Amino acid sequence: MTWEQALAEAKDRSISGASDPGLMAALCDGTLQTIVGAVSPRLVWEGAQKRGLTTTQLAALAYGDPIAVSDLQWL
């Protein structure tokens, strides 16, 4: 699934009906900016997907180690 597909799924199906990649795209596109700061939502999502993180793991990482979330942009 691509970033565009995941984000569209989250918007079309709502958060409760989206797959984990869709839910993660919604998190990256919204809340993540508030928690972590200036990051690229798409690059963070792509890095998290490459690492095999779930949305829950990414959210926990964002609250516990924002620098690690920022580092996902460069994978």
C-alpha atoms as a PDB file:
ATOM      1  CA  MET A   1       0.000   0.000   0.000  1.00  0.00           C
ATOM      2  CA  THR A   2       1.300   3.466  -0.844  1.00  0.00           C
ATOM      3  CA  TRP A   3       1.041   6.597   1.318  1.00  0.00           C
ATOM      4  CA  GLU A   4      -1.679   7.977  -0.949  1.00  0.00           C
ATOM      5  CA  GLN A   5      -3.709   4.764  -0.772  1.00  0.00           C
ATOM      6  CA  ALA A   6      -3.363   4.533   3.009  1.00  0.00           C
ATOM      7  CA  LEU A   7      -4.395   8.151   3.531  1.00  0.00           C
ATOM      8  CA  ALA A   8      -7.345   7.795   1.147  1.00  0.00           C
ATOM      9  CA  GLU A   9      -8.451   4.639   2.942  1.00  0.00           C
ATOM     10  CA  ALA A  10      -8.376   6.419   6.310  1.00  0.00           C
ATOM     11  CA  LYS A  11     -10.472   9.253   4.914  1.00  0.00           C
ATOM     12  CA  ASP A  12     -12.907   7.014   3.029  1.00  0.00           C
ATOM     13  CA  ARG A  13     -13.448   4.304   5.646  1.00  0.00           C
ATOM     14  CA  SER A  14     -12.974   6.425   8.767  1.00  0.00           C
ATOM     15  CA  ILE A  15     -10.462   5.582  11.424  1.00  0.00           C
ATOM     16  CA  SER A  16     -12.456   2.677  12.834  1.00  0.00           C
ATOM     17  CA  GLY A  17     -12.662   0.916   9.470  1.00  0.00           C
ATOM     18  CA  ALA A  18      -9.143   1.554   8.202  1.00  0.00           C
ATOM     19  CA  SER A  19      -6.343  -0.997   8.098  1.00  0.00           C
ATOM     20  CA  ASP A  20      -3.283  -0.409  10.261  1.00  0.00           C
ATOM     21  CA  PRO A  21      -1.384   1.365   7.428  1.00  0.00           C
ATOM     22  CA  GLY A  22      -4.428   3.620   6.919  1.00  0.00           C
ATOM     23  CA  LEU A  23      -4.695   4.329  10.618  1.00  0.00           C
ATOM     24  CA  MET A  24      -0.979   5.113  10.752  1.00  0.00           C
ATOM     25  CA  ALA A  25      -1.320   7.465   7.775  1.00  0.00           C
ATOM     26  CA  ALA A  26      -4.069   9.346   9.598  1.00  0.00           C
ATOM     27  CA  LEU A  27      -1.887   9.560  12.714  1.00  0.00           C
ATOM     28  CA  CYS A  28       1.081  10.822  10.702  1.00  0.00           C
ATOM     29  CA  ASP A  29      -1.019  13.316   8.775  1.00  0.00           C
ATOM     30  CA  GLY A  30      -2.619  14.769  11.900  1.00  0.00           C
ATOM     31  CA  THR A  31      -1.645  14.175  15.493  1.00  0.00           C
ATOM     32  CA  LEU A  32       1.995  13.333  14.856  1.00  0.00           C
ATOM     33  CA  GLN A  33       2.778  16.899  13.822  1.00  0.00           C
ATOM     34  CA  THR A  34       1.539  18.130  17.207  1.00  0.00           C
ATOM     35  CA  ILE A  35       3.475  15.537  19.208  1.00  0.00           C
ATOM     36  CA  VAL A  36       6.785  15.481  17.342  1.00  0.00           C
ATOM     37  CA  GLY A  37       6.937  18.781  15.500  1.00  0.00           C
ATOM     38  CA  ALA A  38       8.317  19.489  12.067  1.00  0.00           C
ATOM     39  CA  VAL A  39       8.456  16.130  10.327  1.00  0.00           C
ATOM     40  CA  SER A  40       7.262  14.919   6.954  1.00  0.00           C
ATOM     41  CA  PRO A  41       4.176  12.773   7.586  1.00  0.00           C
ATOM     42  CA  ARG A  42       4.761  10.758   4.438  1.00  0.00           C
ATOM     43  CA  LEU A  43       8.425  10.044   5.167  1.00  0.00           C
ATOM     44  CA  VAL A  44       7.681   9.060   8.769  1.00  0.00           C
ATOM     45  CA  TRP A  45       4.920   6.728   7.542  1.00  0.00           C
ATOM     46  CA  GLU A  46       7.221   5.176   4.936  1.00  0.00           C
ATOM     47  CA  GLY A  47      10.001   4.700   7.508  1.00  0.00           C
ATOM     48  CA  ALA A  48       7.598   3.126  10.000  1.00  0.00           C
ATOM     49  CA  GLN A  49       6.320   0.773   7.299  1.00  0.00           C
ATOM     50  CA  LYS A  50       9.885  -0.226   6.388  1.00  0.00           C
ATOM     51  CA  ARG A  51      10.600  -0.966  10.046  1.00  0.00           C
ATOM     52  CA  GLY A  52       7.395  -2.992  10.400  1.00  0.00           C
ATOM     53  CA  LEU A  53       5.964  -0.792  13.144  1.00  0.00           C
ATOM     54  CA  THR A  54       2.287  -0.847  14.028  1.00  0.00           C
ATOM     55  CA  THR A  55       0.319   2.327  14.635  1.00  0.00           C
ATOM     56  CA  THR A  56       0.360   1.611  18.372  1.00  0.00           C
ATOM     57  CA  GLN A  57       4.137   1.227  18.341  1.00  0.00           C
ATOM     58  CA  LEU A  58       4.582   4.439  16.360  1.00  0.00           C
ATOM     59  CA  ALA A  59       2.320   6.367  18.739  1.00  0.00           C
ATOM     60  CA  ALA A  60       4.249   5.044  21.746  1.00  0.00           C
ATOM     61  CA  LEU A  61       7.513   6.001  20.074  1.00  0.00           C
ATOM     62  CA  ALA A  62       6.196   9.494  19.356  1.00  0.00           C
ATOM     63  CA  TYR A  63       5.313  10.063  23.003  1.00  0.00           C
ATOM     64  CA  GLY A  64       8.486   8.422  24.345  1.00  0.00           C
ATOM     65  CA  ASP A  65      11.191   9.340  21.831  1.00  0.00           C
ATOM     66  CA  PRO A  66      10.263  12.059  19.306  1.00  0.00           C
ATOM     67  CA  ILE A  67      13.817  12.068  17.904  1.00  0.00           C
ATOM     68  CA  ALA A  68      13.456   8.388  16.944  1.00  0.00           C
ATOM     69  CA  VAL A  69      10.269   9.299  15.062  1.00  0.00           C
ATOM     70  CA  SER A  70      12.120  12.055  13.247  1.00  0.00           C
ATOM     71  CA  ASP A  71      14.840   9.545  12.362  1.00  0.00           C
ATOM     72  CA  LEU A  72      12.257   7.361  10.587  1.00  0.00           C
ATOM     73  CA  GLN A  73      12.222   9.970   7.813  1.00  0.00           C
ATOM     74  CA  TRP A  74      15.692   8.939   6.730  1.00  0.00           C
ATOM     75  CA  LEU A  75      15.269   5.167   6.357  1.00  0.00           C
END
